[in-house]
């Protein structure tokens, strides 16, 4: 009888060994799937002032401060998504500047020319450092988090509340969006969590959620759930037929106008163009 059982045990041992190896590989490589940095800066806004800030763990960030067109009515800090770098947000900054927003662009650690390796904890440390620049003025401060940046912006808002919070294509949590794309991967193994829906429940700042109804990366229903979780005041804007990276959703004038409106509501100031 034992000679019949031994082959089964060997097969089970091989399967278990392969499974352990796959789990270990996923654990070690997962951040390479989450964070997709580009090192080369493809555009530089000539109108921007360049400054630097250092994080609490010694990483220096270069920050582009894009001036508003006319008298600034607010200062917007852009928290990028998981791909590219700040040079890919120049068009967004210029759209916001046209709506009288001063804009701060920066790269997370490991992105662009910034040292370090990205992680959820590291990105929050980066965000806190840049926020010290944002609040060093009399202007109202707005956090604008796009996709993964919504996780960074909401986590920072829990520590330092802005005058208004804008989330473009936010997911409910990293585990939820991972499950939408990789349903067979056990999300319990995720090292980074970004619990946006849970965090936004605790935030009292005026909130704007913007989504594209054809978003193929962050399911629109997840963005709607983030909006529903917020205590208010809040606004939901759905851009019909737009996908995650379509310019109309990621950097266009319609997005910038919606940001201006939420700033007007938060501060009581009306723009001459409004």
Protein backbone atom coordinates (compact mmCIF):
# COMPACT_ATOMS: atom_id res chain seq x y z
CA UNK A 1 0.00 0.00 0.00
CA UNK A 2 2.84 2.41 0.90
CA UNK A 3 4.42 2.10 -2.56
CA UNK A 4 1.16 3.43 -4.05
CA UNK A 5 1.01 6.42 -1.71
CA UNK A 6 4.62 7.55 -2.17
CA UNK A 7 4.16 8.84 -5.78
CA UNK A 8 1.14 10.89 -4.67
CA UNK A 9 3.16 12.41 -1.84
CA UNK A 10 5.94 13.30 -4.28
CA UNK A 11 3.46 14.99 -6.62
CA UNK A 12 1.93 16.94 -3.75
CA UNK A 13 5.39 17.98 -2.59
CA UNK A 14 6.28 19.23 -6.08
CA UNK A 15 3.01 21.15 -6.34
CA UNK A 16 3.57 22.68 -2.90
CA UNK A 17 7.12 23.63 -3.81
CA UNK A 18 6.07 25.28 -7.06
CA UNK A 19 3.29 27.15 -5.25
CA UNK A 20 5.71 28.44 -2.63
CA UNK A 21 8.09 29.59 -5.37
CA UNK A 22 5.28 31.40 -7.21
CA UNK A 23 4.11 33.10 -4.04
CA UNK A 24 7.66 34.15 -3.20
CA UNK A 25 8.19 35.52 -6.71
CA UNK A 26 4.95 37.48 -6.50
CA UNK A 27 5.89 38.87 -3.10
CA UNK A 28 9.29 40.02 -4.31
CA UNK A 29 8.24 41.37 -7.73
CA UNK A 30 4.83 42.89 -7.00
CA UNK A 31 6.05 46.48 -6.70
CA UNK A 32 7.50 46.23 -10.21
CA UNK A 33 3.95 45.55 -11.37
CA UNK A 34 2.43 48.37 -9.32
CA UNK A 35 4.94 51.16 -9.91
CA UNK A 36 5.91 51.93 -13.51
CA UNK A 37 8.35 54.83 -13.34
CA UNK A 38 10.06 56.49 -16.27
CA UNK A 39 13.40 58.14 -15.69
CA UNK A 40 13.60 60.46 -18.70
CA UNK A 41 11.89 63.84 -18.36
CA UNK A 42 10.34 64.41 -21.78
CA UNK A 43 9.20 68.02 -21.27
CA UNK A 44 10.17 70.93 -19.07
CA UNK A 45 7.76 73.83 -18.47
CA UNK A 46 9.87 76.91 -19.23
CA UNK A 47 7.49 79.07 -17.20
CA UNK A 48 8.01 77.03 -14.01
CA UNK A 49 10.06 78.02 -11.01
CA UNK A 50 12.25 75.14 -9.84
CA UNK A 51 12.78 74.44 -6.17
CA UNK A 52 13.80 71.46 -4.07
CA UNK A 53 12.64 69.85 -0.85
CA UNK A 54 14.14 67.06 1.22
CA UNK A 55 12.17 64.25 2.85
CA UNK A 56 12.53 63.11 6.45
CA UNK A 57 14.56 60.11 5.23
CA UNK A 58 16.97 62.18 3.15
CA UNK A 59 15.62 62.05 -0.41
CA UNK A 60 15.76 65.30 -2.38
CA UNK A 61 12.85 66.14 -4.67
CA UNK A 62 12.86 68.67 -7.46
CA UNK A 63 9.55 70.53 -7.62
CA UNK A 64 8.22 72.52 -10.59
CA UNK A 65 5.99 75.41 -9.53
CA UNK A 66 3.90 76.39 -12.56
CA UNK A 67 2.46 79.90 -12.10
CA UNK A 68 -1.20 80.70 -12.50
CA UNK A 69 -2.43 82.80 -15.38
CA UNK A 70 -3.35 86.03 -13.63
CA UNK A 71 -3.80 86.26 -9.87
CA UNK A 72 -3.70 82.80 -8.34
CA UNK A 73 -6.81 81.67 -6.50
CA UNK A 74 -5.36 78.40 -5.15
CA UNK A 75 -2.29 76.20 -5.10
CA UNK A 76 -2.73 72.67 -6.47
CA UNK A 77 -0.39 69.81 -5.60
CA UNK A 78 -0.55 67.03 -8.20
CA UNK A 79 -0.07 63.48 -6.95
CA UNK A 80 0.78 61.43 -10.02
CA UNK A 81 -0.53 58.03 -11.00
CA UNK A 82 1.70 54.95 -11.05
CA UNK A 83 3.30 55.50 -14.47
CA UNK A 84 5.55 58.04 -16.19
CA UNK A 85 6.84 61.05 -14.27
CA UNK A 86 6.04 64.71 -13.68
CA UNK A 87 6.97 65.73 -17.22
CA UNK A 88 3.88 63.85 -18.39
CA UNK A 89 1.73 66.18 -16.24
CA UNK A 90 2.84 69.46 -17.84
CA UNK A 91 -0.34 69.65 -19.95
CA UNK A 92 -2.44 69.15 -16.82
CA UNK A 93 -0.51 71.89 -15.01
CA UNK A 94 -1.03 74.33 -17.86
CA UNK A 95 -4.77 73.60 -17.99
CA UNK A 96 -5.01 74.28 -14.27
CA UNK A 97 -2.86 77.41 -14.59
CA UNK A 98 -5.30 78.77 -17.17
CA UNK A 99 -7.96 78.52 -14.44
CA UNK A 100 -5.86 80.64 -12.05
CA UNK A 101 -4.27 77.72 -10.23
CA UNK A 102 -0.64 77.67 -9.19
CA UNK A 103 0.51 74.08 -9.65
CA UNK A 104 3.20 72.02 -7.93
CA UNK A 105 4.55 69.06 -9.91
CA UNK A 106 6.98 66.57 -8.41
CA UNK A 107 8.10 62.97 -8.76
CA UNK A 108 7.83 60.19 -6.24
CA UNK A 109 11.01 58.42 -5.19
CA UNK A 110 12.28 56.23 -8.04
CA UNK A 111 10.55 58.35 -10.68
CA UNK A 112 12.20 60.86 -13.02
CA UNK A 113 15.49 62.03 -11.54
CA UNK A 114 14.49 61.27 -7.93
CA UNK A 115 16.46 58.70 -5.95
CA UNK A 116 14.92 55.84 -4.02
CA UNK A 117 12.51 52.97 -4.54
CA UNK A 118 8.72 53.47 -4.53
CA UNK A 119 6.47 52.03 -1.85
CA UNK A 120 3.25 53.11 -0.16
CA UNK A 121 5.11 54.36 2.92
CA UNK A 122 7.78 56.07 0.81
CA UNK A 123 5.30 57.90 -1.40
CA UNK A 124 3.53 59.29 1.65
CA UNK A 125 6.85 60.56 3.03
CA UNK A 126 7.47 62.25 -0.33
CA UNK A 127 4.00 63.80 -0.30
CA UNK A 128 4.45 65.18 3.21
CA UNK A 129 7.68 66.90 2.21
CA UNK A 130 6.16 68.58 -0.84
CA UNK A 131 3.10 69.61 1.16
CA UNK A 132 5.34 71.78 3.34
CA UNK A 133 5.93 73.90 0.23
CA UNK A 134 2.24 73.99 -0.62
CA UNK A 135 1.21 75.37 2.76
CA UNK A 136 4.01 77.93 2.84
CA UNK A 137 1.70 80.61 1.40
CA UNK A 138 -1.63 82.30 2.01
CA UNK A 139 -3.32 80.51 -0.92
CA UNK A 140 -5.87 77.75 -0.38
CA UNK A 141 -4.32 74.32 -0.99
CA UNK A 142 -5.84 71.63 -3.19
CA UNK A 143 -4.64 68.03 -3.45
CA UNK A 144 -5.22 66.48 -6.87
CA UNK A 145 -4.61 62.74 -6.88
CA UNK A 146 -4.89 60.78 -10.09
CA UNK A 147 -5.47 57.02 -9.94
CA UNK A 148 -2.73 55.67 -7.63
CA UNK A 149 -2.14 59.28 -6.58
CA UNK A 150 -5.63 59.26 -5.07
CA UNK A 151 -4.25 56.83 -2.50
CA UNK A 152 -1.34 59.14 -1.75
CA UNK A 153 -3.52 62.26 -1.61
CA UNK A 154 -6.12 60.76 0.73
CA UNK A 155 -3.46 59.34 3.05
CA UNK A 156 -1.81 62.76 3.23
CA UNK A 157 -5.17 64.47 3.75
CA UNK A 158 -5.71 62.30 6.80
CA UNK A 159 -2.59 63.89 8.30
CA UNK A 160 -2.77 67.39 6.79
CA UNK A 161 -6.21 68.39 5.54
CA UNK A 162 -6.30 70.53 2.37
CA UNK A 163 -8.92 73.15 1.54
CA UNK A 164 -10.23 70.85 -1.21
CA UNK A 165 -9.52 67.33 -2.43
CA UNK A 166 -9.77 66.24 -6.06
CA UNK A 167 -9.60 62.53 -6.94
CA UNK A 168 -9.41 61.63 -10.61
CA UNK A 169 -10.20 57.96 -11.39
CA UNK A 170 -9.76 56.80 -7.78
CA UNK A 171 -9.97 53.10 -6.90
CA UNK A 172 -11.50 51.84 -3.67
CA UNK A 173 -8.30 50.04 -2.65
CA UNK A 174 -5.29 48.57 -4.39
CA UNK A 175 -6.56 45.10 -3.53
CA UNK A 176 -9.89 45.82 -5.24
CA UNK A 177 -8.36 47.12 -8.46
CA UNK A 178 -5.86 44.24 -8.48
CA UNK A 179 -8.74 41.77 -8.16
CA UNK A 180 -10.49 43.40 -11.11
CA UNK A 181 -7.50 42.69 -13.35
CA UNK A 182 -5.96 39.58 -11.73
CA UNK A 183 -8.84 37.72 -10.08
CA UNK A 184 -6.75 34.61 -9.35
CA UNK A 185 -4.01 36.47 -7.47
CA UNK A 186 -4.44 36.36 -3.66
CA UNK A 187 -4.61 40.02 -2.65
CA UNK A 188 -3.64 39.13 0.93
CA UNK A 189 -0.08 39.09 -0.39
CA UNK A 190 -0.11 42.77 -1.34
CA UNK A 191 2.51 44.76 0.55
CA UNK A 192 0.93 48.12 -0.37
CA UNK A 193 -2.78 48.67 0.27
CA UNK A 194 -3.90 52.26 -0.46
CA UNK A 195 -7.35 51.99 1.23
CA UNK A 196 -8.90 55.02 -0.51
CA UNK A 197 -12.55 54.24 0.19
CA UNK A 198 -11.86 53.59 3.87
CA UNK A 199 -9.72 56.72 4.24
CA UNK A 200 -12.07 59.10 2.46
CA UNK A 201 -14.80 58.30 5.00
CA UNK A 202 -12.75 60.22 7.59
CA UNK A 203 -12.12 63.37 5.53
CA UNK A 204 -14.20 66.53 5.88
CA UNK A 205 -12.61 68.57 3.06
CA UNK A 206 -14.79 69.40 0.03
CA UNK A 207 -14.34 66.53 -2.42
CA UNK A 208 -14.47 66.32 -6.21
CA UNK A 209 -14.41 62.86 -7.81
CA UNK A 210 -13.90 62.75 -11.58
CA UNK A 211 -14.22 59.52 -13.56
CA UNK A 212 -14.38 58.36 -17.14
CA UNK A 213 -17.31 56.09 -17.88
CA UNK A 214 -15.15 54.00 -20.25
CA UNK A 215 -12.22 53.63 -17.83
CA UNK A 216 -10.56 50.28 -18.55
CA UNK A 217 -7.99 50.49 -15.74
CA UNK A 218 -10.01 51.66 -12.72
CA UNK A 219 -13.59 50.37 -12.91
CA UNK A 220 -15.91 53.41 -12.82
CA UNK A 221 -17.99 51.75 -10.12
CA UNK A 222 -15.01 51.87 -7.77
CA UNK A 223 -14.70 55.63 -8.29
CA UNK A 224 -18.42 55.99 -7.57
CA UNK A 225 -18.00 54.03 -4.34
CA UNK A 226 -15.23 56.41 -3.25
CA UNK A 227 -17.58 59.32 -3.87
CA UNK A 228 -20.41 57.66 -1.96
CA UNK A 229 -18.14 56.97 1.02
CA UNK A 230 -17.22 60.63 1.52
CA UNK A 231 -19.15 62.51 4.22
CA UNK A 232 -19.44 65.65 2.08
CA UNK A 233 -19.59 68.28 0.78
CA UNK A 234 -18.86 66.44 -2.44
CA UNK A 235 -19.29 66.51 -6.20
CA UNK A 236 -19.21 63.68 -8.74
CA UNK A 237 -18.36 64.40 -12.39
CA UNK A 238 -18.64 61.60 -14.95
CA UNK A 239 -16.98 62.18 -18.31
CA UNK A 240 -18.91 60.15 -20.83
CA UNK A 241 -16.97 57.71 -23.01
CA UNK A 242 -13.51 58.63 -21.73
CA UNK A 243 -10.88 56.04 -20.82
CA UNK A 244 -8.31 56.26 -18.05
CA UNK A 245 -5.55 58.06 -19.96
CA UNK A 246 -7.62 60.02 -22.49
CA UNK A 247 -6.44 63.65 -22.48
CA UNK A 248 -9.96 64.92 -21.86
CA UNK A 249 -9.99 63.08 -18.54
CA UNK A 250 -6.33 63.35 -17.51
CA UNK A 251 -5.31 66.86 -18.52
CA UNK A 252 -8.02 68.67 -20.47
CA UNK A 253 -9.72 72.02 -19.82
CA UNK A 254 -12.95 70.35 -18.64
CA UNK A 255 -11.09 68.75 -15.73
CA UNK A 256 -9.40 72.06 -14.90
CA UNK A 257 -12.74 73.91 -14.89
CA UNK A 258 -14.19 71.37 -12.47
CA UNK A 259 -11.22 71.93 -10.16
CA UNK A 260 -11.83 75.68 -10.32
CA UNK A 261 -15.48 75.16 -9.38
CA UNK A 262 -14.63 73.07 -6.31
CA UNK A 263 -12.12 75.74 -5.23
CA UNK A 264 -14.77 78.43 -5.64
CA UNK A 265 -17.16 76.40 -3.52
CA UNK A 266 -14.52 75.79 -0.86
CA UNK A 267 -13.27 79.37 -0.63
CA UNK A 268 -16.23 81.45 -1.73
CA UNK A 269 -14.10 83.18 -4.36
CA UNK A 270 -15.45 83.53 -7.89
CA UNK A 271 -13.13 83.48 -10.86
CA UNK A 272 -13.64 86.22 -13.48
CA UNK A 273 -13.98 83.44 -16.05
CA UNK A 274 -16.62 81.64 -14.03
